[in-house]
């Protein structure tokens, strides 16, 4: 049975766990893992930026007299 490349963050983290324990991942699995984790990082940073903007807006809105 052929190995499938990671398609979810959970599968990508599973590949990372295998790498940390000294087991091998194929190059395609590793590439997919890096791409998925990079996308997750970018999404997280974008969400943080959006929430900071909303907080700034709401703070300004509530502090107006």
PDB file of N, CA and C in Angstrom:
ATOM      1  N   UNK A   1       0.833  -1.171   0.000  1.00  0.00           N
ATOM      2  CA  UNK A   1       0.000   0.000   0.000  1.00  0.00           C
ATOM      3  C   UNK A   1       0.886   1.245   0.000  1.00  0.00           C
ATOM      4  N   UNK A   2       0.598   2.168  -0.890  1.00  0.00           N
ATOM      5  CA  UNK A   2       1.403   3.379  -0.999  1.00  0.00           C
ATOM      6  C   UNK A   2       1.055   4.343   0.124  1.00  0.00           C
ATOM      7  N   UNK A   3       2.078   5.044   0.589  1.00  0.00           N
ATOM      8  CA  UNK A   3       1.849   6.040   1.623  1.00  0.00           C
ATOM      9  C   UNK A   3       1.190   7.261   1.001  1.00  0.00           C
ATOM     10  N   UNK A   4       0.240   7.836   1.741  1.00  0.00           N
ATOM     11  CA  UNK A   4      -0.387   9.049   1.243  1.00  0.00           C
ATOM     12  C   UNK A   4       0.341  10.253   1.826  1.00  0.00           C
ATOM     13  N   UNK A   5       0.312  11.349   1.099  1.00  0.00           N
ATOM     14  CA  UNK A   5       0.939  12.563   1.616  1.00  0.00           C
ATOM     15  C   UNK A   5      -0.018  13.218   2.602  1.00  0.00           C
ATOM     16  N   UNK A   6       0.504  13.916   3.599  1.00  0.00           N
ATOM     17  CA  UNK A   6      -0.360  14.551   4.595  1.00  0.00           C
ATOM     18  C   UNK A   6      -1.303  15.562   3.965  1.00  0.00           C
ATOM     19  N   UNK A   7      -2.546  15.525   4.378  1.00  0.00           N
ATOM     20  CA  UNK A   7      -3.516  16.479   3.852  1.00  0.00           C
ATOM     21  C   UNK A   7      -4.150  17.297   4.970  1.00  0.00           C
ATOM     22  N   UNK A   8      -3.900  16.950   6.209  1.00  0.00           N
ATOM     23  CA  UNK A   8      -4.435  17.712   7.327  1.00  0.00           C
ATOM     24  C   UNK A   8      -3.294  18.081   8.267  1.00  0.00           C
ATOM     25  N   UNK A   9      -3.570  19.029   9.134  1.00  0.00           N
ATOM     26  CA  UNK A   9      -2.563  19.452  10.110  1.00  0.00           C
ATOM     27  C   UNK A   9      -2.211  18.283  11.028  1.00  0.00           C
ATOM     28  N   UNK A  10      -3.214  17.475  11.396  1.00  0.00           N
ATOM     29  CA  UNK A  10      -2.955  16.329  12.274  1.00  0.00           C
ATOM     30  C   UNK A  10      -1.994  15.339  11.618  1.00  0.00           C
ATOM     31  N   UNK A  11      -2.169  15.079  10.333  1.00  0.00           N
ATOM     32  CA  UNK A  11      -1.268  14.172   9.628  1.00  0.00           C
ATOM     33  C   UNK A  11       0.124  14.778   9.501  1.00  0.00           C
ATOM     34  N   UNK A  12       0.180  16.083   9.299  1.00  0.00           N
ATOM     35  CA  UNK A  12       1.478  16.755   9.207  1.00  0.00           C
ATOM     36  C   UNK A  12       2.209  16.672  10.537  1.00  0.00           C
ATOM     37  N   UNK A  13       1.487  16.895  11.635  1.00  0.00           N
ATOM     38  CA  UNK A  13       2.104  16.803  12.953  1.00  0.00           C
ATOM     39  C   UNK A  13       2.537  15.375  13.263  1.00  0.00           C
ATOM     40  N   UNK A  14       1.817  14.398  12.726  1.00  0.00           N
ATOM     41  CA  UNK A  14       2.211  12.997  12.887  1.00  0.00           C
ATOM     42  C   UNK A  14       3.548  12.746  12.193  1.00  0.00           C
ATOM     43  N   UNK A  15       3.735  13.323  11.014  1.00  0.00           N
ATOM     44  CA  UNK A  15       5.004  13.186  10.296  1.00  0.00           C
ATOM     45  C   UNK A  15       6.124  13.844  11.090  1.00  0.00           C
ATOM     46  N   UNK A  16       5.847  15.006  11.681  1.00  0.00           N
ATOM     47  CA  UNK A  16       6.845  15.695  12.496  1.00  0.00           C
ATOM     48  C   UNK A  16       7.213  14.830  13.702  1.00  0.00           C
ATOM     49  N   UNK A  17       6.219  14.217  14.313  1.00  0.00           N
ATOM     50  CA  UNK A  17       6.457  13.351  15.477  1.00  0.00           C
ATOM     51  C   UNK A  17       7.362  12.175  15.090  1.00  0.00           C
ATOM     52  N   UNK A  18       7.104  11.587  13.917  1.00  0.00           N
ATOM     53  CA  UNK A  18       7.954  10.481  13.444  1.00  0.00           C
ATOM     54  C   UNK A  18       9.382  10.954  13.230  1.00  0.00           C
ATOM     55  N   UNK A  19       9.533  12.155  12.652  1.00  0.00           N
ATOM     56  CA  UNK A  19      10.874  12.688  12.416  1.00  0.00           C
ATOM     57  C   UNK A  19      11.615  12.929  13.728  1.00  0.00           C
ATOM     58  N   UNK A  20      10.908  13.442  14.723  1.00  0.00           N
ATOM     59  CA  UNK A  20      11.547  13.702  16.014  1.00  0.00           C
ATOM     60  C   UNK A  20      11.973  12.422  16.716  1.00  0.00           C
ATOM     61  N   UNK A  21      11.246  11.339  16.465  1.00  0.00           N
ATOM     62  CA  UNK A  21      11.607  10.069  17.093  1.00  0.00           C
ATOM     63  C   UNK A  21      12.667   9.319  16.296  1.00  0.00           C
ATOM     64  N   UNK A  22      13.118   9.910  15.194  1.00  0.00           N
ATOM     65  CA  UNK A  22      14.197   9.311  14.420  1.00  0.00           C
ATOM     66  C   UNK A  22      13.742   8.435  13.268  1.00  0.00           C
ATOM     67  N   UNK A  23      12.433   8.361  13.042  1.00  0.00           N
ATOM     68  CA  UNK A  23      11.905   7.572  11.924  1.00  0.00           C
ATOM     69  C   UNK A  23      11.864   8.442  10.677  1.00  0.00           C
ATOM     70  N   UNK A  24      11.825   7.797   9.540  1.00  0.00           N
ATOM     71  CA  UNK A  24      11.893   8.522   8.270  1.00  0.00           C
ATOM     72  C   UNK A  24      10.513   8.846   7.716  1.00  0.00           C
ATOM     73  N   UNK A  25      10.457   9.958   7.000  1.00  0.00           N
ATOM     74  CA  UNK A  25       9.301  10.331   6.183  1.00  0.00           C
ATOM     75  C   UNK A  25       9.824  10.475   4.759  1.00  0.00           C
ATOM     76  N   UNK A  26       8.962  10.201   3.803  1.00  0.00           N
ATOM     77  CA  UNK A  26       9.397  10.378   2.421  1.00  0.00           C
ATOM     78  C   UNK A  26       9.533  11.869   2.132  1.00  0.00           C
ATOM     79  N   UNK A  27      10.234  12.189   1.071  1.00  0.00           N
ATOM     80  CA  UNK A  27      10.449  13.596   0.717  1.00  0.00           C
ATOM     81  C   UNK A  27       9.127  14.275   0.385  1.00  0.00           C
ATOM     82  N   UNK A  28       8.201  13.559  -0.251  1.00  0.00           N
ATOM     83  CA  UNK A  28       6.904  14.170  -0.569  1.00  0.00           C
ATOM     84  C   UNK A  28       6.092  14.420   0.700  1.00  0.00           C
ATOM     85  N   UNK A  29       6.168  13.497   1.672  1.00  0.00           N
ATOM     86  CA  UNK A  29       5.490  13.713   2.950  1.00  0.00           C
ATOM     87  C   UNK A  29       6.078  14.916   3.669  1.00  0.00           C
ATOM     88  N   UNK A  30       7.383  15.008   3.663  1.00  0.00           N
ATOM     89  CA  UNK A  30       8.058  16.114   4.329  1.00  0.00           C
ATOM     90  C   UNK A  30       7.712  17.450   3.675  1.00  0.00           C
ATOM     91  N   UNK A  31       7.695  17.477   2.350  1.00  0.00           N
ATOM     92  CA  UNK A  31       7.357  18.708   1.636  1.00  0.00           C
ATOM     93  C   UNK A  31       5.922  19.122   1.937  1.00  0.00           C
ATOM     94  N   UNK A  32       4.993  18.169   1.899  1.00  0.00           N
ATOM     95  CA  UNK A  32       3.597  18.474   2.201  1.00  0.00           C
ATOM     96  C   UNK A  32       3.445  18.946   3.641  1.00  0.00           C
ATOM     97  N   UNK A  33       4.201  18.334   4.553  1.00  0.00           N
ATOM     98  CA  UNK A  33       4.152  18.738   5.955  1.00  0.00           C
ATOM     99  C   UNK A  33       4.615  20.170   6.129  1.00  0.00           C
ATOM    100  N   UNK A  34       5.708  20.516   5.507  1.00  0.00           N
ATOM    101  CA  UNK A  34       6.236  21.875   5.611  1.00  0.00           C
ATOM    102  C   UNK A  34       5.249  22.872   5.024  1.00  0.00           C
ATOM    103  N   UNK A  35       4.656  22.550   3.900  1.00  0.00           N
ATOM    104  CA  UNK A  35       3.699  23.459   3.266  1.00  0.00           C
ATOM    105  C   UNK A  35       2.461  23.650   4.144  1.00  0.00           C
ATOM    106  N   UNK A  36       1.929  22.568   4.702  1.00  0.00           N
ATOM    107  CA  UNK A  36       0.750  22.665   5.552  1.00  0.00           C
ATOM    108  C   UNK A  36       1.035  23.445   6.831  1.00  0.00           C
ATOM    109  N   UNK A  37       2.174  23.184   7.445  1.00  0.00           N
ATOM    110  CA  UNK A  37       2.511  23.902   8.671  1.00  0.00           C
ATOM    111  C   UNK A  37       2.763  25.383   8.391  1.00  0.00           C
ATOM    112  N   UNK A  38       3.342  25.702   7.243  1.00  0.00           N
ATOM    113  CA  UNK A  38       3.548  27.100   6.878  1.00  0.00           C
ATOM    114  C   UNK A  38       2.208  27.799   6.652  1.00  0.00           C
ATOM    115  N   UNK A  39       1.272  27.113   5.974  1.00  0.00           N
ATOM    116  CA  UNK A  39      -0.062  27.681   5.774  1.00  0.00           C
ATOM    117  C   UNK A  39      -0.763  27.897   7.113  1.00  0.00           C
ATOM    118  N   UNK A  40      -0.624  26.946   8.026  1.00  0.00           N
ATOM    119  CA  UNK A  40      -1.246  27.077   9.350  1.00  0.00           C
ATOM    120  C   UNK A  40      -0.647  28.252  10.112  1.00  0.00           C
ATOM    121  N   UNK A  41       0.655  28.429  10.011  1.00  0.00           N
ATOM    122  CA  UNK A  41       1.317  29.560  10.674  1.00  0.00           C
ATOM    123  C   UNK A  41       0.814  30.889  10.117  1.00  0.00           C
ATOM    124  N   UNK A  42       0.715  30.977   8.803  1.00  0.00           N
ATOM    125  CA  UNK A  42       0.242  32.212   8.172  1.00  0.00           C
ATOM    126  C   UNK A  42      -1.206  32.504   8.565  1.00  0.00           C
ATOM    127  N   UNK A  43      -2.028  31.472   8.626  1.00  0.00           N
ATOM    128  CA  UNK A  43      -3.421  31.645   9.028  1.00  0.00           C
ATOM    129  C   UNK A  43      -3.503  32.124  10.473  1.00  0.00           C
ATOM    130  N   UNK A  44      -2.692  31.532  11.327  1.00  0.00           N
ATOM    131  CA  UNK A  44      -2.674  31.939  12.735  1.00  0.00           C
ATOM    132  C   UNK A  44      -2.242  33.382  12.900  1.00  0.00           C
ATOM    133  N   UNK A  45      -1.212  33.783  12.185  1.00  0.00           N
ATOM    134  CA  UNK A  45      -0.741  35.166  12.274  1.00  0.00           C
ATOM    135  C   UNK A  45      -1.780  36.142  11.744  1.00  0.00           C
ATOM    136  N   UNK A  46      -2.456  35.764  10.679  1.00  0.00           N
ATOM    137  CA  UNK A  46      -3.514  36.616  10.126  1.00  0.00           C
ATOM    138  C   UNK A  46      -4.675  36.758  11.093  1.00  0.00           C
ATOM    139  N   UNK A  47      -5.026  35.676  11.759  1.00  0.00           N
ATOM    140  CA  UNK A  47      -6.106  35.710  12.740  1.00  0.00           C
ATOM    141  C   UNK A  47      -5.738  36.608  13.917  1.00  0.00           C
ATOM    142  N   UNK A  48      -4.510  36.499  14.382  1.00  0.00           N
ATOM    143  CA  UNK A  48      -4.045  37.354  15.482  1.00  0.00           C
ATOM    144  C   UNK A  48      -4.120  38.815  15.069  1.00  0.00           C
ATOM    145  N   UNK A  49      -3.675  39.126  13.860  1.00  0.00           N
ATOM    146  CA  UNK A  49      -3.706  40.506  13.363  1.00  0.00           C
ATOM    147  C   UNK A  49      -5.149  41.019  13.305  1.00  0.00           C
ATOM    148  N   UNK A  50      -6.061  40.189  12.811  1.00  0.00           N
ATOM    149  CA  UNK A  50      -7.468  40.573  12.710  1.00  0.00           C
ATOM    150  C   UNK A  50      -8.066  40.818  14.097  1.00  0.00           C
ATOM    151  N   UNK A  51      -7.775  39.940  15.047  1.00  0.00           N
ATOM    152  CA  UNK A  51      -8.303  40.103  16.400  1.00  0.00           C
ATOM    153  C   UNK A  51      -7.738  41.337  17.087  1.00  0.00           C
ATOM    154  N   UNK A  52      -6.464  41.638  16.843  1.00  0.00           N
ATOM    155  CA  UNK A  52      -5.882  42.855  17.417  1.00  0.00           C
ATOM    156  C   UNK A  52      -6.569  44.095  16.857  1.00  0.00           C
ATOM    157  N   UNK A  53      -6.857  44.093  15.545  1.00  0.00           N
ATOM    158  CA  UNK A  53      -7.552  45.228  14.937  1.00  0.00           C
ATOM    159  C   UNK A  53      -8.956  45.386  15.517  1.00  0.00           C
ATOM    160  N   UNK A  54      -9.676  44.285  15.697  1.00  0.00           N
ATOM    161  CA  UNK A  54     -11.017  44.340  16.274  1.00  0.00           C
ATOM    162  C   UNK A  54     -10.971  44.836  17.715  1.00  0.00           C
ATOM    163  N   UNK A  55      -9.984  44.364  18.473  1.00  0.00           N
ATOM    164  CA  UNK A  55      -9.842  44.812  19.854  1.00  0.00           C
ATOM    165  C   UNK A  55      -9.543  46.299  19.914  1.00  0.00           C
ATOM    166  N   UNK A  56      -8.658  46.775  19.035  1.00  0.00           N
ATOM    167  CA  UNK A  56      -8.322  48.195  18.975  1.00  0.00           C
ATOM    168  C   UNK A  56      -9.558  49.027  18.644  1.00  0.00           C
ATOM    169  N   UNK A  57     -10.365  48.554  17.687  1.00  0.00           N
ATOM    170  CA  UNK A  57     -11.577  49.253  17.304  1.00  0.00           C
ATOM    171  C   UNK A  57     -12.569  49.297  18.457  1.00  0.00           C
ATOM    172  N   UNK A  58     -12.802  48.157  19.089  1.00  0.00           N
ATOM    173  CA  UNK A  58     -13.773  48.103  20.186  1.00  0.00           C
ATOM    174  C   UNK A  58     -13.310  48.921  21.390  1.00  0.00           C
ATOM    175  N   UNK A  59     -12.020  48.911  21.671  1.00  0.00           N
ATOM    176  CA  UNK A  59     -11.491  49.718  22.774  1.00  0.00           C
ATOM    177  C   UNK A  59     -11.715  51.198  22.488  1.00  0.00           C
ATOM    178  N   UNK A  60     -11.430  51.610  21.274  1.00  0.00           N
ATOM    179  CA  UNK A  60     -11.661  52.994  20.887  1.00  0.00           C
ATOM    180  C   UNK A  60     -13.139  53.349  20.934  1.00  0.00           C
ATOM    181  N   UNK A  61     -13.987  52.434  20.509  1.00  0.00           N
ATOM    182  CA  UNK A  61     -15.422  52.662  20.517  1.00  0.00           C
ATOM    183  C   UNK A  61     -15.957  52.809  21.937  1.00  0.00           C
ATOM    184  N   UNK A  62     -15.486  51.974  22.848  1.00  0.00           N
ATOM    185  CA  UNK A  62     -15.968  52.020  24.230  1.00  0.00           C
ATOM    186  C   UNK A  62     -15.397  53.197  25.011  1.00  0.00           C
ATOM    187  N   UNK A  63     -14.222  53.670  24.649  1.00  0.00           N
ATOM    188  CA  UNK A  63     -13.601  54.772  25.368  1.00  0.00           C
ATOM    189  C   UNK A  63     -14.066  56.147  24.922  1.00  0.00           C
ATOM    190  N   UNK A  64     -14.845  56.211  23.843  1.00  0.00           N
ATOM    191  CA  UNK A  64     -15.372  57.512  23.390  1.00  0.00           C
ATOM    192  C   UNK A  64     -16.409  58.000  24.369  1.00  0.00           C
ATOM    193  N   UNK A  65     -16.472  59.303  24.528  1.00  0.00           N
ATOM    194  CA  UNK A  65     -17.478  59.893  25.421  1.00  0.00           C
ATOM    195  C   UNK A  65     -18.596  60.522  24.636  1.00  0.00           C
TER     196      UNK A  65
END
